Structures are given as structure tokens and as C-alpha cells.
Protein backbone atom coordinates (compact mmCIF):
# COMPACT_ATOMS: atom_id res chain seq x y z
CA MET A 1 -5.76 -63.51 -54.47
CA ILE A 2 -8.18 -60.91 -52.98
CA ILE A 3 -6.47 -59.68 -50.08
CA PHE A 4 -8.09 -57.17 -47.35
CA GLY A 5 -6.39 -55.20 -44.29
CA GLY A 6 -5.39 -52.24 -46.62
CA THR A 7 -2.73 -54.27 -48.95
CA ASN A 8 -4.00 -54.39 -52.62
CA CYS A 9 -6.25 -56.39 -54.08
CA ASN A 10 -5.83 -58.74 -57.44
CA THR A 11 -8.35 -61.06 -58.78
CA ARG A 12 -7.92 -64.05 -61.98
CA SER A 13 -10.12 -65.23 -63.71
CA ASN A 14 -10.49 -68.42 -61.26
CA ILE A 15 -10.38 -66.34 -58.26
CA SER A 16 -9.56 -67.91 -54.84
CA LEU A 17 -10.14 -66.80 -51.45
CA SER A 18 -7.48 -67.46 -48.72
CA VAL A 19 -8.76 -67.65 -45.35
CA ALA A 20 -5.90 -66.71 -43.70
CA ARG A 21 -6.19 -63.12 -45.49
CA LEU A 22 -10.08 -63.32 -45.33
CA ASP A 23 -8.92 -63.37 -41.28
CA THR A 24 -7.14 -60.12 -41.85
CA ILE A 25 -10.53 -58.25 -42.81
CA THR A 26 -11.59 -55.13 -40.62
CA GLU A 27 -14.54 -55.41 -37.83
CA LEU A 28 -15.99 -52.59 -39.54
CA GLU A 29 -15.88 -54.62 -42.84
CA LYS A 30 -17.05 -57.86 -41.17
CA GLN A 31 -20.13 -55.68 -40.13
CA ARG A 32 -21.21 -54.21 -43.23
CA TYR A 33 -21.10 -57.30 -44.33
CA SER A 34 -22.34 -59.50 -41.87
CA TYR A 35 -24.58 -61.42 -44.36
CA CYS A 36 -21.77 -62.95 -46.17
CA PRO A 37 -21.32 -66.31 -45.30
CA ILE A 38 -18.15 -66.31 -46.60
CA LEU A 39 -16.35 -64.48 -43.85
CA ALA A 40 -18.17 -66.65 -40.82
CA LYS A 41 -16.23 -68.28 -38.65
CA GLY A 42 -16.16 -72.01 -38.02
CA PRO A 43 -18.48 -74.20 -39.06
CA THR A 44 -20.87 -71.50 -40.16
CA ARG A 45 -18.50 -70.33 -43.03
CA GLN A 46 -19.90 -71.26 -46.78
CA SER A 47 -17.39 -71.57 -49.76
CA ASP A 48 -19.50 -73.61 -52.14
CA PRO A 49 -18.97 -71.05 -55.47
CA SER A 50 -22.03 -72.32 -56.76
CA SER A 51 -24.68 -70.63 -54.40
CA THR A 52 -26.11 -67.80 -54.69
CA ALA A 53 -24.72 -66.46 -51.37
CA TYR A 54 -21.19 -67.21 -52.13
CA VAL A 55 -21.65 -64.88 -55.77
CA THR A 56 -23.08 -62.10 -53.64
CA CYS A 57 -20.99 -61.69 -50.83
CA LEU A 58 -18.02 -62.21 -53.48
CA VAL A 59 -19.48 -59.16 -55.57
CA SER A 60 -19.12 -57.26 -52.12
CA ILE A 61 -15.86 -58.30 -51.18
CA ILE A 62 -14.69 -57.25 -54.90
CA ALA A 63 -16.63 -53.69 -54.20
CA ILE A 64 -14.04 -53.94 -50.88
CA CYS A 65 -11.29 -54.21 -52.51
CA ILE A 66 -12.11 -51.33 -55.45
CA SER A 67 -12.91 -48.93 -52.68
CA ALA A 68 -9.55 -49.70 -50.50
CA ASN A 69 -7.54 -49.14 -53.85
CA ALA A 70 -9.40 -46.05 -54.45
CA GLN A 71 -8.87 -44.62 -51.23
CA GLN A 72 -5.19 -45.51 -51.17
CA ASN A 73 -4.54 -43.25 -54.27
CA VAL A 74 -5.77 -40.05 -52.11
CA PHE A 75 -3.77 -37.89 -50.11
CA ASN A 76 -5.69 -35.39 -47.91
CA VAL A 77 -3.70 -32.73 -46.61
CA GLN A 78 -5.68 -33.03 -43.75
CA SER A 79 -4.86 -36.39 -42.99
CA TYR A 80 -0.88 -35.22 -42.80
CA GLY A 81 -1.55 -32.86 -40.13
CA ALA A 82 -2.89 -29.74 -42.12
CA ALA A 83 -5.25 -27.43 -39.80
CA GLY A 84 -6.65 -25.74 -42.29
CA ASN A 85 -7.90 -22.72 -40.04
CA GLY A 86 -5.64 -19.82 -41.45
CA ILE A 87 -3.36 -19.54 -38.59
CA THR A 88 -1.28 -22.66 -38.70
CA ASP A 89 1.90 -23.30 -40.47
CA ASP A 90 -0.09 -26.36 -42.75
CA SER A 91 3.30 -26.12 -45.07
CA LEU A 92 4.91 -29.25 -43.46
CA ALA A 93 1.59 -30.93 -43.80
CA PHE A 94 1.28 -29.88 -47.79
CA MET A 95 5.01 -31.54 -48.45
CA LYS A 96 4.11 -35.26 -46.76
CA ALA A 97 1.43 -35.25 -48.75
CA TRP A 98 2.77 -34.62 -52.00
CA LYS A 99 5.67 -36.60 -51.55
CA ASP A 100 3.24 -39.48 -51.04
CA THR A 101 1.32 -38.54 -54.05
CA CYS A 102 4.03 -37.99 -56.30
CA GLY A 103 5.37 -41.40 -54.70
CA ALA A 104 2.30 -43.58 -55.20
CA GLY A 105 3.30 -47.07 -57.34
CA THR A 106 -0.12 -47.98 -58.90
CA GLY A 107 -2.94 -46.09 -60.01
CA ILE A 108 -3.60 -41.99 -60.59
CA PRO A 109 -2.58 -40.35 -57.42
CA THR A 110 -4.81 -37.48 -56.12
CA MET A 111 -3.66 -34.51 -53.75
CA ILE A 112 -7.03 -32.97 -52.01
CA ILE A 113 -6.93 -29.82 -50.28
CA PRO A 114 -10.45 -29.86 -48.92
CA LYS A 115 -12.94 -26.78 -49.26
CA GLY A 116 -14.43 -25.15 -46.32
CA LYS A 117 -10.96 -25.13 -45.23
CA ILE A 118 -8.04 -21.94 -45.18
CA PHE A 119 -4.60 -23.32 -45.51
CA LEU A 120 -1.66 -21.18 -44.63
CA VAL A 121 1.28 -22.24 -46.61
CA ASN A 122 4.48 -20.68 -46.77
CA PRO A 123 6.82 -21.04 -49.84
CA ILE A 124 7.08 -24.90 -51.33
CA THR A 125 8.09 -26.17 -54.46
CA PHE A 126 6.43 -29.60 -55.61
CA THR A 127 9.49 -31.81 -57.26
CA GLY A 128 9.27 -34.38 -59.43
CA PRO A 129 9.75 -36.37 -61.61
CA CYS A 130 6.68 -38.30 -60.20
CA LYS A 131 6.35 -42.31 -60.08
CA PRO A 132 2.83 -41.86 -61.87
CA SER A 133 2.90 -40.76 -65.62
CA ILE A 134 -0.54 -38.64 -64.01
CA ILE A 135 -1.27 -37.10 -61.61
CA ASN A 136 -4.16 -34.93 -59.81
CA VAL A 137 -4.46 -32.32 -57.49
CA LYS A 138 -8.14 -31.41 -56.06
CA LEU A 139 -7.67 -28.07 -54.73
CA SER A 140 -11.41 -26.85 -53.16
CA GLY A 141 -10.18 -24.84 -50.24
CA THR A 142 -8.29 -21.58 -50.26
CA ILE A 143 -4.32 -21.78 -49.85
CA VAL A 144 -3.16 -18.56 -48.70
CA ALA A 145 0.46 -17.02 -48.37
CA PRO A 146 2.46 -15.44 -45.62
CA ASN A 147 1.13 -12.01 -45.27
CA GLY A 148 3.64 -9.66 -46.71
CA PRO A 149 7.72 -9.21 -46.37
CA ASP A 150 7.99 -9.45 -43.24
CA GLN A 151 6.17 -13.01 -42.52
CA TRP A 152 8.17 -14.36 -45.63
CA LYS A 153 10.21 -17.27 -44.35
CA ALA A 154 12.90 -18.10 -47.61
CA ALA A 155 15.29 -16.36 -49.01
CA ASP A 156 14.07 -16.73 -52.44
CA LEU A 157 11.08 -13.69 -52.74
CA SER A 158 10.43 -14.98 -56.55
CA THR A 159 8.09 -17.73 -55.94
CA TRP A 160 5.51 -18.78 -53.04
CA LEU A 161 4.44 -22.00 -54.84
CA ALA A 162 6.03 -24.06 -57.68
CA PHE A 163 5.59 -27.34 -59.41
CA GLN A 164 9.32 -28.78 -60.89
CA ASP A 165 9.76 -31.40 -63.01
CA VAL A 166 6.07 -32.82 -62.69
CA ASN A 167 4.72 -34.46 -66.32
CA GLY A 168 1.32 -35.28 -66.41
CA LEU A 169 -0.36 -32.94 -63.32
CA THR A 170 -3.99 -31.81 -63.85
CA ILE A 171 -5.40 -28.72 -61.19
CA ASP A 172 -8.60 -29.15 -60.89
CA GLY A 173 -10.83 -26.56 -58.16
CA PRO A 174 -13.17 -24.47 -57.49
CA GLY A 175 -10.56 -23.76 -55.08
CA THR A 176 -8.64 -20.35 -54.27
CA MET A 177 -5.12 -19.43 -54.34
CA ASP A 178 -4.31 -15.71 -52.39
CA GLY A 179 -1.19 -14.45 -52.63
CA SER A 180 -1.70 -11.70 -50.07
CA GLY A 181 -0.16 -9.08 -52.07
CA LYS A 182 -1.15 -5.96 -50.22
CA GLY A 183 1.66 -6.18 -47.88
CA TRP A 184 4.38 -6.21 -50.78
CA TRP A 185 2.52 -3.89 -53.04
CA ASP A 186 2.98 -1.31 -50.11
CA ARG A 187 6.69 -1.77 -50.25
CA SER A 188 6.93 -1.84 -54.08
CA CYS A 189 9.73 0.07 -55.37
CA LYS A 190 7.39 1.18 -58.61
CA LEU A 191 4.87 2.52 -56.60
CA HIS A 192 7.52 4.16 -54.33
CA PRO A 193 10.50 5.06 -56.07
CA GLY A 194 13.38 6.19 -53.52
CA HIS A 195 11.74 5.13 -51.15
CA GLN A 196 14.48 3.25 -48.68
CA GLY A 197 13.69 -0.40 -47.79
CA CYS A 198 11.66 -0.45 -51.03
CA ILE A 199 10.68 -4.18 -52.96
CA ARG A 200 11.37 -4.86 -56.41
CA LEU A 201 11.00 -8.59 -56.53
CA ALA A 202 8.24 -9.93 -55.26
CA PRO A 203 6.74 -13.57 -55.35
CA THR A 204 4.54 -15.12 -58.39
CA VAL A 205 1.84 -17.27 -56.62
CA LEU A 206 2.31 -20.52 -59.10
CA LYS A 207 5.18 -21.54 -60.83
CA PHE A 208 5.58 -24.29 -63.40
CA ALA A 209 9.26 -24.81 -64.13
CA ARG A 210 10.12 -27.40 -67.13
CA CYS A 211 6.54 -29.18 -66.77
CA ASN A 212 4.99 -30.88 -69.29
CA ASN A 213 1.28 -32.36 -70.26
CA ILE A 214 0.10 -29.97 -67.49
CA HIS A 215 -3.92 -28.99 -67.61
CA MET A 216 -5.13 -26.59 -64.52
CA SER A 217 -9.06 -25.52 -64.35
CA ASN A 218 -11.73 -23.71 -62.78
CA ILE A 219 -9.06 -22.22 -60.19
CA LYS A 220 -9.12 -18.46 -59.34
CA PHE A 221 -5.90 -16.39 -58.33
CA GLN A 222 -6.46 -13.43 -56.41
CA ASN A 223 -3.67 -10.18 -54.99
CA SER A 224 -0.44 -12.02 -56.02
CA PRO A 225 2.56 -9.57 -55.08
CA GLN A 226 3.32 -9.76 -58.85
CA THR A 227 2.90 -12.09 -61.30
CA HIS A 228 -0.14 -14.66 -60.55
CA VAL A 229 0.67 -17.70 -63.01
CA LEU A 230 4.31 -18.20 -64.61
CA VAL A 231 4.71 -21.03 -67.37
CA LEU A 232 8.49 -21.59 -67.76
CA GLY A 233 9.84 -23.86 -69.71
CA CYS A 234 7.41 -25.76 -70.29
CA GLN A 235 5.39 -27.90 -73.31
CA ASP A 236 2.10 -29.11 -73.90
CA VAL A 237 -0.03 -26.96 -71.19
CA ASP A 238 -3.66 -26.40 -71.04
CA PHE A 239 -5.82 -23.57 -68.70
CA GLY A 240 -9.25 -22.70 -68.54
CA PHE A 241 -12.10 -21.46 -66.96
CA LEU A 242 -9.39 -19.44 -64.51
CA THR A 243 -10.38 -16.43 -62.51
CA VAL A 244 -7.51 -13.86 -62.15
CA GLN A 245 -8.39 -10.86 -59.69
CA ALA A 246 -5.92 -7.94 -58.25
CA PRO A 247 -6.48 -4.59 -58.15
CA GLY A 248 -5.94 -2.34 -61.27
CA THR A 249 -3.16 -0.13 -59.21
CA SER A 250 -1.21 -3.46 -58.16
CA PRO A 251 2.30 -3.64 -59.68
CA ASN A 252 3.41 -6.25 -61.58
CA THR A 253 0.65 -8.32 -61.04
CA ASP A 254 0.47 -10.31 -64.99
CA GLY A 255 -2.12 -12.59 -64.90
CA ILE A 256 -0.30 -15.16 -67.15
CA HIS A 257 3.30 -15.20 -68.08
CA ILE A 258 4.08 -17.73 -69.96
CA GLN A 259 8.36 -17.98 -71.47
CA ILE A 260 10.63 -20.64 -73.06
CA SER A 261 7.31 -22.86 -73.80
CA ARG A 262 5.53 -24.65 -76.73
CA ASN A 263 2.02 -25.65 -77.42
CA VAL A 264 0.27 -23.54 -74.58
CA SER A 265 -3.57 -22.86 -74.75
CA ILE A 266 -5.05 -20.54 -72.26
CA HIS A 267 -9.06 -20.32 -72.74
CA ASN A 268 -12.45 -19.33 -71.21
CA SER A 269 -11.14 -16.92 -68.43
CA GLN A 270 -11.72 -13.60 -66.56
CA ILE A 271 -8.43 -11.78 -65.76
CA GLY A 272 -8.00 -8.15 -64.28
CA ASP A 273 -4.83 -7.22 -62.85
CA GLY A 274 -2.55 -4.41 -62.60
CA ASP A 275 -0.46 -5.33 -65.44
CA ASP A 276 -0.68 -7.27 -68.65
CA CYS A 277 -3.84 -9.99 -68.28
CA ILE A 278 -1.20 -12.61 -70.81
CA SER A 279 2.22 -11.91 -71.57
CA ILE A 280 4.54 -13.69 -73.93
CA GLY A 281 8.20 -14.03 -73.63
CA ASP A 282 11.19 -14.69 -75.33
CA LEU A 283 11.78 -18.83 -77.02
CA THR A 284 8.40 -19.43 -76.88
CA SER A 285 5.87 -20.97 -79.68
CA ASP A 286 2.42 -22.51 -80.44
CA ILE A 287 0.48 -20.10 -78.09
CA ASN A 288 -3.38 -20.23 -78.58
CA ILE A 289 -5.34 -17.74 -76.34
CA THR A 290 -8.95 -17.72 -76.92
CA ASN A 291 -12.27 -16.59 -75.02
CA ILE A 292 -10.99 -14.27 -72.33
CA ASN A 293 -12.19 -11.43 -70.76
CA CYS A 294 -9.05 -8.69 -69.87
CA GLY A 295 -9.87 -5.96 -67.45
CA PRO A 296 -8.57 -4.22 -65.48
CA GLY A 297 -4.89 -4.63 -66.95
CA HIS A 298 -2.25 -3.78 -69.66
CA GLY A 299 -4.23 -6.25 -72.09
CA VAL A 300 -2.36 -8.83 -74.21
CA SER A 301 1.28 -8.57 -74.68
CA ILE A 302 4.02 -10.00 -77.09
CA GLY A 303 7.13 -9.11 -75.00
CA SER A 304 8.73 -6.97 -73.79
CA LEU A 305 11.29 -8.91 -75.99
CA GLY A 306 15.28 -8.91 -76.38
CA LYS A 307 16.27 -6.71 -73.19
CA ASP A 308 20.02 -6.28 -72.81
CA GLY A 309 20.66 -7.66 -76.39
CA ARG A 310 18.47 -10.81 -76.30
CA GLU A 311 17.76 -12.67 -78.86
CA ALA A 312 14.02 -13.23 -79.22
CA GLN A 313 12.47 -16.57 -81.05
CA VAL A 314 8.36 -15.78 -80.70
CA LYS A 315 6.03 -17.59 -83.65
CA ASN A 316 2.77 -19.06 -84.36
CA ILE A 317 0.91 -17.08 -81.78
CA ASN A 318 -2.71 -16.90 -81.89
CA VAL A 319 -5.22 -15.08 -80.14
CA ARG A 320 -8.91 -14.77 -80.97
CA GLY A 321 -12.23 -13.51 -78.98
CA VAL A 322 -10.67 -11.64 -76.45
CA ASN A 323 -12.81 -8.44 -74.43
CA PHE A 324 -10.83 -6.05 -73.61
CA ARG A 325 -12.51 -3.31 -70.81
CA ARG A 326 -11.36 -0.06 -69.88
CA THR A 327 -7.57 -1.86 -69.97
CA THR A 328 -4.34 0.32 -70.76
CA ASN A 329 -3.48 -1.71 -73.89
CA GLY A 330 -5.46 -3.67 -76.26
CA VAL A 331 -3.45 -5.91 -78.30
CA ARG A 332 0.49 -5.13 -78.04
CA ILE A 333 4.04 -6.44 -79.11
CA LYS A 334 6.43 -4.39 -77.34
CA THR A 335 10.60 -5.05 -78.07
CA TRP A 336 13.33 -3.62 -77.16
CA GLN A 337 16.29 -1.45 -79.40
CA THR A 338 18.90 -3.72 -78.23
CA GLY A 339 17.36 -7.09 -79.11
CA ARG A 340 17.94 -9.64 -81.86
CA GLY A 341 15.57 -12.30 -83.65
CA VAL A 342 12.15 -12.54 -85.03
CA VAL A 343 8.45 -12.34 -84.19
CA GLU A 344 6.52 -14.03 -86.85
CA ASN A 345 3.18 -15.45 -87.69
CA VAL A 346 0.81 -13.67 -85.24
CA SER A 347 -2.97 -13.56 -85.69
CA PHE A 348 -4.93 -11.06 -83.03
CA SER A 349 -8.88 -11.73 -84.68
CA ASN A 350 -12.37 -11.49 -83.27
CA MET A 351 -11.84 -8.66 -80.56
CA ASN A 352 -14.05 -6.63 -78.75
CA PHE A 353 -12.70 -3.32 -77.09
CA THR A 354 -14.43 -0.91 -74.50
CA ALA A 355 -12.95 2.47 -73.61
CA VAL A 356 -9.40 0.71 -74.19
CA GLU A 357 -6.23 2.82 -74.45
CA ASN A 358 -4.05 1.90 -77.23
CA PRO A 359 -6.69 -1.13 -78.78
CA ILE A 360 -3.63 -1.90 -81.76
CA ILE A 361 -0.04 -1.23 -81.24
CA ILE A 362 3.46 -2.17 -81.89
CA ASP A 363 6.25 -0.45 -79.90
CA GLN A 364 9.93 -1.41 -80.81
CA PHE A 365 11.13 1.32 -78.60
CA TYR A 366 10.01 -0.34 -75.31
CA CYS A 367 12.44 1.23 -72.58
CA ASP A 368 11.30 1.10 -68.41
CA VAL A 369 12.22 4.45 -68.10
CA PRO A 370 11.07 6.85 -70.66
CA ASN A 371 13.65 8.70 -72.67
CA SER A 372 16.38 6.51 -71.26
CA CYS A 373 17.16 3.89 -74.15
CA ARG A 374 19.66 4.87 -76.41
CA LYS A 375 19.37 4.29 -80.70
CA THR A 376 20.86 1.20 -81.85
CA ASN A 377 21.50 -0.75 -84.86
CA THR A 378 19.81 -3.51 -84.01
CA GLY A 379 16.48 -4.70 -83.49
CA VAL A 380 13.87 -7.98 -83.43
CA HIS A 381 12.46 -8.33 -86.99
CA ILE A 382 8.21 -8.61 -86.86
CA ASN A 383 7.04 -10.51 -89.65
CA GLY A 384 3.26 -11.96 -90.41
CA VAL A 385 1.17 -10.30 -88.13
CA LEU A 386 -2.80 -10.19 -89.04
CA TYR A 387 -5.43 -7.69 -86.78
CA SER A 388 -8.78 -8.80 -88.00
CA GLN A 389 -12.02 -8.86 -87.45
CA LEU A 390 -11.69 -6.20 -84.08
CA TYR A 391 -14.08 -3.71 -83.22
CA GLY A 392 -14.92 -1.22 -80.23
CA THR A 393 -13.98 2.06 -78.62
CA SER A 394 -11.10 3.88 -78.00
CA ARG A 395 -9.70 6.22 -75.64
CA THR A 396 -6.57 7.21 -77.42
CA GLN A 397 -6.76 9.20 -80.27
CA VAL A 398 -4.32 6.98 -81.98
CA ALA A 399 -6.16 3.86 -82.43
CA ILE A 400 -3.64 1.86 -84.67
CA ASN A 401 -0.26 2.45 -83.87
CA LEU A 402 2.70 0.80 -85.52
CA ASN A 403 5.59 1.67 -84.53
CA CYS A 404 8.26 -0.41 -85.99
CA SER A 405 12.27 -0.84 -85.83
CA ASP A 406 14.06 1.82 -88.06
CA ASN A 407 16.66 -1.05 -88.56
CA PHE A 408 14.62 -3.76 -89.15
CA PRO A 409 10.70 -2.69 -89.98
CA CYS A 410 7.76 -4.92 -89.61
CA THR A 411 7.12 -6.74 -92.56
CA GLY A 412 3.65 -8.69 -93.47
CA ILE A 413 1.12 -6.48 -91.27
CA THR A 414 -2.30 -7.04 -92.49
CA LEU A 415 -5.33 -4.95 -90.81
CA GLU A 416 -8.67 -6.30 -91.77
CA ASN A 417 -12.32 -5.31 -91.04
CA ILE A 418 -11.27 -3.20 -88.21
CA GLN A 419 -13.87 -0.97 -86.50
CA LEU A 420 -13.04 1.57 -83.64
CA ALA A 421 -14.84 4.64 -82.96
CA SER A 422 -13.79 7.43 -80.08
CA ALA A 423 -14.74 6.41 -76.66
CA THR A 424 -15.30 10.03 -76.30
CA ARG A 425 -18.65 11.74 -77.41
CA GLY A 426 -17.11 13.63 -81.26
CA GLY A 427 -13.49 12.29 -81.01
CA HIS A 428 -11.34 11.51 -83.59
CA LEU A 429 -9.46 8.54 -84.27
CA VAL A 430 -6.35 8.21 -86.39
CA SER A 431 -3.68 5.34 -87.21
CA SER A 432 0.15 5.92 -87.11
CA CYS A 433 2.75 3.88 -89.07
CA ASN A 434 6.96 4.32 -88.53
CA ASN A 435 8.68 1.54 -91.04
CA ALA A 436 5.66 -0.65 -90.89
CA ILE A 437 4.60 -2.25 -94.47
CA GLY A 438 1.73 -4.51 -95.13
CA VAL A 439 -1.84 -4.21 -96.66
CA SER A 440 -5.10 -3.34 -95.12
CA ARG A 441 -8.09 -5.15 -96.66
CA GLY A 442 -12.17 -4.42 -96.18
CA ILE A 443 -13.23 -1.75 -93.98
CA VAL A 444 -10.56 -0.21 -91.86
CA GLU A 445 -11.74 2.84 -89.35
CA PRO A 446 -9.69 5.01 -88.27
CA LYS A 447 -8.81 5.01 -91.87
CA SER A 448 -5.86 2.61 -92.41
CA CYS A 449 -2.04 3.69 -92.32
CA LEU A 450 -1.14 0.93 -94.65
CA PRO A 451 -2.08 0.63 -98.45
CA ASN A 452 -6.07 -0.98 -99.26
CA ILE A 453 -6.28 -3.87 -101.58
CA ILE A 454 -9.61 -5.29 -102.27
């Protein structure tokens, strides 16, 4: 049976056409296929399956069905009332479009945010689970957040947009998410300590919570109040060809933060912000970071780990092919003295540093307020870290700084084929090891503080 008029089409090998159903075809479709004798009324209607006209007409009707089905799986926010003028609140239209996208019963549904439009949206959580196993969001336009804390319409200050319990999600661009962060930065306690009414917590632009099999590409994130993208409690995540952009002076504006997640890939992206380009938190494993341009920012960090005595479990981290430009750190592992647990099987390889402070650093005495953290008898054990094929220039004299725990020394550290020179003409670089156990191989400059083996 082939059914028209907005309903589904179903074909069988011995296709039959219901006269009643044919009569429900729209006038527009009748005009488009006016040549079709099956659609004619009265004695002119032809139904001889052997006729060329009948076959040609049948193919056209099937095309109508395919088109109708495809349109049924597209949910454009403007069809739900979104104005897209950057002034009108389009939140309700987004929520309605998501509800129908997530609840679609057939096919692969797509939520459309069209190009050439700016959509003002207040905080929204797009919740699952969804009926389809695969679901798409096509972001071609720009989504903009409320302009600062005075315009914020939610009690929760931590998140602007979130996907929660959604599996099989693909978000593709080339659209933009603009966090309108300046109003938040201007009242940040980090930038204005002691200022009455200053703000410590500000929104993340996009959070994924308990989502699996997630893909995101060709999206630009800009000016988040704090972290741009947060991956929390997820697995099987692939992010590629992203752009993250915020001023180097913007507070706590990490590019991408990964926490309590596994099997995450981030690749082929440009990230510049006021904090870590990419940061890896506790309870995280099987992370691959490749082909990233980082700067401005604080580099790529594992940590901070172990705050307030929490146990760290971070393993199987591969960071490769990162270009750092004028960042305040290069590759960094940072842990609190109060922490417990382990960081193991980490590889940093094939990297370039241009005028970077602290290109290679392990800091196991991390403290958010300098000199305020007391010595403890605990620590996170760092084991099995490879630094290989790292080249470039350092703005700090100590270019390799392995400052490990007094209680749990770093073990299995390897420095391999590293050539770092001073960013200052005539400058001299050194390496420093404290409680670090390992080896160096090949040429290591500045001179390695670990024993060299052939």
C-alpha cells in the first residue's frame, strides 16, 4: 500500500494502489504530476500495470513517498516558532523541536537550526533517552546565550545547553554557539577578588551528561562564561574540526573538559581560551587527543586530580600532534597533595612549542591558592609517562620540570628525543627532577635530569 497526504508509505512486491488513498494526494502533488494517468478522475483514470504511463507514474508516486518520509524526519526550529532575530527568546521553539526529534518513531530524525539566523536561547537541557538509536542535530546558524548574569533566567548557573541521557547523537555544523561571556567575566571573583557580588560559578556552554556514542564536528564555540564543552559520564565520544575561541584573559574558560568518561577522541581542532585548551579529570580512561592547535591558554592538562582527598583513576591517555603557541603551559599533569590513586600509561608525542612557558611539567604540589596547602602523607602515583619527539622554544628557564610527590615518587618516566631551546636570544634552559624515576633516550635538550640509556 502506498499512502499519501502526510502518512507513511509502504510498498510491497505486488504493489497495489488504493483509490481512496490516491484521492487524498495534495493538490500541489496533483499539479506536479498532472501527466500521471493514475491520478486522473473518472473514466480517464488508467490502471493497466503493463502500460508505460502507469510505470512512469508509479515511479513518480514513490518519489513523493520518499520525499514525504524524509520531510517527516526533519524538525526545523523555525517551524516551531523560532524567530531567529537574536532578540526574541526562541527557547520554547527549541524545546518543542527537540521533543519531536527525540520522539520520532521512524528513520533518522534531524533537528535543524538554519543558517543565516541568530537564535537567542535561555538555558535548556535536551533530555533522553530518545526513541531513535541515531539522532542528528544540524547547526548551521548561531545560538547565542543571554547577555550576562542579569539576563540569566535559571537557578542553575552551571550550564547553558546540555544533552543528558542521549545516545547515538551527531551534531554537525558549520554553526556557532556563543556564550556571551563578557558580562560574566566582568564580575568574576577570579578577576575581581573581594569584590562585592562577584561570581564564582558561571555557565558551561555545552555539556554532555551520561551520553554514549556521541559525534560532533564543524562547530565553533566562542566566549563561554566558563568551560566551553564538558564531557561528563560519557563513553564513545568523537569530536573533530572544532573551533574554540575566547580571550586569553577570560577566567576558567577551558576549551574541552573530560570527566568520568572513557573512549574519547578529540582531533583536528583549533582551541584558544583563558584556561586549559583540553583538560582531563578524574575517573577517565582511553583518551586520544590528536592534531590540535592550542593557544592562547594553559596547554593540555591531566588534572587537577585528587582535590579534597578524592581518588584519581586516570589511564591510557594519548596526546599527539599538538602545536602550542604562547601558552602558559605545554603538557601538564597536576595533582593535589591530598589526592590518592593513580595516573598511568600516558603518552605525549610529536609536539611543537612556540614561546611556551613550562613546556613539560608534572606538578604534584598543585594548590589553587599558592602556599596555602599543607604537606600531607598522601599522594597520587604517576606511573608510565612517555615524552617523545617534542620540539620548540620555552619562555621559562626550567623547560622540563618533573616535580613529583614526596610520598609517591613518579615512576616509569621516559624522555625521548626532545629538543627545546630558549625563546630568549642567548637564554639557557635546564631540566629539573624531584622524586622522578625514569630514563632518557636519544637527544634530550636541555640536558636530561634522568639517566640516559642507549
